[in-house]
Amino acid sequence: MSQFILKHLPTILIVQGVLAWLPLAYLKYMVHEEVSVMPFLIWHLLGVVPGAWLAGRGFIVGRIKKALKGEE
């Protein structure tokens, strides 16, 4: 994978997970359709959970590397 994707993958996943709610908002509030939340919740969680895990993992791994090198 390219360095750009590896660096920004957590952000991309989180944004995708948050944007999963846009079709629901459109259907529910603009078109006034009765819509189930479950499909949107699944896409939301598929983006936000791994994105948050990757973001947190990068933070934790970075802190451990700095601590081992003696940097503060």
N, C-alpha and C. Protein backbone atom coordinates (compact mmCIF):
# COMPACT_ATOMS: atom_id res chain seq x y z
N MET A 1 0.84 -1.19 0.00
CA MET A 1 0.00 0.00 0.00
C MET A 1 0.88 1.24 0.00
N SER A 2 0.34 2.31 -0.51
CA SER A 2 1.11 3.54 -0.53
C SER A 2 1.20 4.12 0.88
N GLN A 3 2.22 4.91 1.11
CA GLN A 3 2.42 5.53 2.41
C GLN A 3 1.26 6.43 2.79
N PHE A 4 0.67 7.11 1.81
CA PHE A 4 -0.45 8.00 2.08
C PHE A 4 -1.62 7.22 2.67
N ILE A 5 -1.94 6.09 2.05
CA ILE A 5 -3.08 5.30 2.53
C ILE A 5 -2.79 4.74 3.92
N LEU A 6 -1.59 4.23 4.13
CA LEU A 6 -1.25 3.69 5.44
C LEU A 6 -1.30 4.75 6.53
N LYS A 7 -0.87 5.95 6.19
CA LYS A 7 -0.85 7.03 7.18
C LYS A 7 -2.26 7.52 7.49
N HIS A 8 -3.12 7.58 6.48
CA HIS A 8 -4.43 8.19 6.64
C HIS A 8 -5.57 7.18 6.71
N LEU A 9 -5.28 5.90 6.74
CA LEU A 9 -6.33 4.88 6.78
C LEU A 9 -7.26 5.04 7.98
N PRO A 10 -6.76 5.27 9.19
CA PRO A 10 -7.70 5.45 10.31
C PRO A 10 -8.68 6.60 10.08
N THR A 11 -8.20 7.71 9.58
CA THR A 11 -9.07 8.86 9.32
C THR A 11 -10.07 8.55 8.22
N ILE A 12 -9.61 7.88 7.17
CA ILE A 12 -10.50 7.51 6.06
C ILE A 12 -11.62 6.60 6.56
N LEU A 13 -11.28 5.61 7.39
CA LEU A 13 -12.30 4.70 7.91
C LEU A 13 -13.30 5.41 8.81
N ILE A 14 -12.81 6.30 9.67
CA ILE A 14 -13.70 7.02 10.58
C ILE A 14 -14.64 7.93 9.79
N VAL A 15 -14.12 8.64 8.81
CA VAL A 15 -14.95 9.53 7.99
C VAL A 15 -15.99 8.71 7.23
N GLN A 16 -15.59 7.58 6.68
CA GLN A 16 -16.54 6.71 5.97
C GLN A 16 -17.64 6.24 6.92
N GLY A 17 -17.25 5.90 8.16
CA GLY A 17 -18.24 5.46 9.13
C GLY A 17 -19.22 6.54 9.52
N VAL A 18 -18.74 7.75 9.63
CA VAL A 18 -19.63 8.87 9.98
C VAL A 18 -20.53 9.23 8.79
N LEU A 19 -19.96 9.20 7.60
CA LEU A 19 -20.75 9.54 6.41
C LEU A 19 -21.81 8.49 6.08
N ALA A 20 -21.73 7.33 6.70
CA ALA A 20 -22.73 6.29 6.47
C ALA A 20 -24.11 6.74 6.91
N TRP A 21 -24.18 7.75 7.76
CA TRP A 21 -25.46 8.22 8.26
C TRP A 21 -26.14 9.21 7.30
N LEU A 22 -25.43 9.74 6.34
CA LEU A 22 -26.03 10.71 5.42
C LEU A 22 -27.23 10.17 4.65
N PRO A 23 -27.15 8.97 4.06
CA PRO A 23 -28.34 8.46 3.37
C PRO A 23 -29.54 8.28 4.30
N LEU A 24 -29.28 7.86 5.54
CA LEU A 24 -30.37 7.72 6.50
C LEU A 24 -31.02 9.07 6.77
N ALA A 25 -30.21 10.08 7.00
CA ALA A 25 -30.74 11.41 7.27
C ALA A 25 -31.55 11.92 6.08
N TYR A 26 -31.04 11.69 4.87
CA TYR A 26 -31.77 12.12 3.68
C TYR A 26 -33.11 11.41 3.58
N LEU A 27 -33.09 10.08 3.70
CA LEU A 27 -34.32 9.32 3.56
C LEU A 27 -35.33 9.63 4.66
N LYS A 28 -34.84 9.79 5.87
CA LYS A 28 -35.75 9.99 7.00
C LYS A 28 -36.31 11.41 7.09
N TYR A 29 -35.44 12.41 6.86
CA TYR A 29 -35.86 13.79 7.10
C TYR A 29 -36.22 14.57 5.85
N MET A 30 -35.68 14.16 4.71
CA MET A 30 -36.00 14.88 3.47
C MET A 30 -37.13 14.21 2.70
N VAL A 31 -37.07 12.89 2.62
CA VAL A 31 -38.06 12.14 1.83
C VAL A 31 -39.18 11.61 2.73
N HIS A 32 -38.96 11.62 4.03
CA HIS A 32 -39.92 11.15 5.03
C HIS A 32 -40.29 9.68 4.82
N GLU A 33 -39.28 8.87 4.56
CA GLU A 33 -39.46 7.43 4.43
C GLU A 33 -39.22 6.77 5.79
N GLU A 34 -39.91 5.68 6.02
CA GLU A 34 -39.67 4.88 7.21
C GLU A 34 -38.49 3.96 6.91
N VAL A 35 -37.37 4.15 7.61
CA VAL A 35 -36.13 3.46 7.28
C VAL A 35 -35.61 2.74 8.52
N SER A 36 -35.07 1.53 8.31
CA SER A 36 -34.43 0.79 9.39
C SER A 36 -33.02 1.34 9.59
N VAL A 37 -32.62 1.44 10.83
CA VAL A 37 -31.32 1.99 11.17
C VAL A 37 -30.19 0.96 11.02
N MET A 38 -30.52 -0.31 11.09
CA MET A 38 -29.51 -1.37 11.14
C MET A 38 -28.51 -1.35 9.98
N PRO A 39 -28.91 -1.23 8.73
CA PRO A 39 -27.90 -1.22 7.66
C PRO A 39 -26.90 -0.06 7.81
N PHE A 40 -27.38 1.07 8.24
CA PHE A 40 -26.52 2.23 8.41
C PHE A 40 -25.61 2.07 9.62
N LEU A 41 -26.14 1.46 10.66
CA LEU A 41 -25.34 1.20 11.86
C LEU A 41 -24.21 0.23 11.55
N ILE A 42 -24.48 -0.79 10.74
CA ILE A 42 -23.44 -1.75 10.37
C ILE A 42 -22.31 -1.05 9.63
N TRP A 43 -22.64 -0.22 8.63
CA TRP A 43 -21.58 0.50 7.89
C TRP A 43 -20.85 1.48 8.79
N HIS A 44 -21.59 2.10 9.71
CA HIS A 44 -20.96 3.03 10.65
C HIS A 44 -19.92 2.30 11.50
N LEU A 45 -20.33 1.17 12.07
CA LEU A 45 -19.42 0.43 12.94
C LEU A 45 -18.26 -0.19 12.17
N LEU A 46 -18.50 -0.61 10.92
CA LEU A 46 -17.42 -1.16 10.10
C LEU A 46 -16.35 -0.12 9.78
N GLY A 47 -16.70 1.14 9.83
CA GLY A 47 -15.72 2.19 9.59
C GLY A 47 -15.11 2.74 10.86
N VAL A 48 -15.95 3.04 11.83
CA VAL A 48 -15.49 3.75 13.03
C VAL A 48 -14.67 2.85 13.96
N VAL A 49 -15.11 1.63 14.18
CA VAL A 49 -14.41 0.76 15.13
C VAL A 49 -12.99 0.44 14.66
N PRO A 50 -12.80 -0.07 13.42
CA PRO A 50 -11.41 -0.32 13.00
C PRO A 50 -10.59 0.97 12.88
N GLY A 51 -11.23 2.06 12.44
CA GLY A 51 -10.51 3.32 12.33
C GLY A 51 -10.03 3.82 13.67
N ALA A 52 -10.87 3.73 14.68
CA ALA A 52 -10.48 4.15 16.02
C ALA A 52 -9.40 3.22 16.58
N TRP A 53 -9.52 1.93 16.30
CA TRP A 53 -8.51 0.98 16.78
C TRP A 53 -7.16 1.27 16.13
N LEU A 54 -7.16 1.49 14.82
CA LEU A 54 -5.91 1.79 14.12
C LEU A 54 -5.31 3.12 14.59
N ALA A 55 -6.15 4.10 14.82
CA ALA A 55 -5.65 5.40 15.29
C ALA A 55 -5.07 5.26 16.68
N GLY A 56 -5.74 4.56 17.54
CA GLY A 56 -5.24 4.35 18.89
C GLY A 56 -4.00 3.49 18.92
N ARG A 57 -3.97 2.48 18.07
CA ARG A 57 -2.82 1.59 17.99
C ARG A 57 -1.58 2.37 17.55
N GLY A 58 -1.75 3.22 16.55
CA GLY A 58 -0.63 4.03 16.09
C GLY A 58 -0.12 4.96 17.17
N PHE A 59 -1.03 5.51 17.94
CA PHE A 59 -0.65 6.40 19.03
C PHE A 59 0.13 5.63 20.09
N ILE A 60 -0.39 4.47 20.46
CA ILE A 60 0.24 3.67 21.51
C ILE A 60 1.60 3.17 21.05
N VAL A 61 1.68 2.65 19.83
CA VAL A 61 2.95 2.15 19.31
C VAL A 61 3.97 3.27 19.21
N GLY A 62 3.54 4.43 18.77
CA GLY A 62 4.44 5.59 18.69
C GLY A 62 4.98 5.99 20.06
N ARG A 63 4.13 5.98 21.06
CA ARG A 63 4.56 6.33 22.42
C ARG A 63 5.55 5.30 22.96
N ILE A 64 5.31 4.02 22.67
CA ILE A 64 6.23 2.97 23.13
C ILE A 64 7.59 3.12 22.47
N LYS A 65 7.60 3.39 21.17
CA LYS A 65 8.86 3.57 20.44
C LYS A 65 9.63 4.76 20.99
N LYS A 66 8.94 5.86 21.26
CA LYS A 66 9.61 7.03 21.84
C LYS A 66 10.17 6.73 23.22
N ALA A 67 9.42 5.99 24.02
CA ALA A 67 9.88 5.65 25.36
C ALA A 67 11.11 4.75 25.31
N LEU A 68 11.12 3.81 24.36
CA LEU A 68 12.27 2.91 24.25
C LEU A 68 13.52 3.64 23.75
N LYS A 69 13.32 4.66 22.93
CA LYS A 69 14.46 5.44 22.44
C LYS A 69 14.93 6.46 23.47
N GLY A 70 14.14 6.69 24.50
CA GLY A 70 14.50 7.65 25.53
C GLY A 70 14.05 9.06 25.20
N GLU A 71 13.21 9.22 24.20
CA GLU A 71 12.69 10.53 23.85
C GLU A 71 11.46 10.83 24.71
N GLU A 72 11.18 12.08 24.91
CA GLU A 72 9.99 12.44 25.68
C GLU A 72 9.08 13.33 24.92
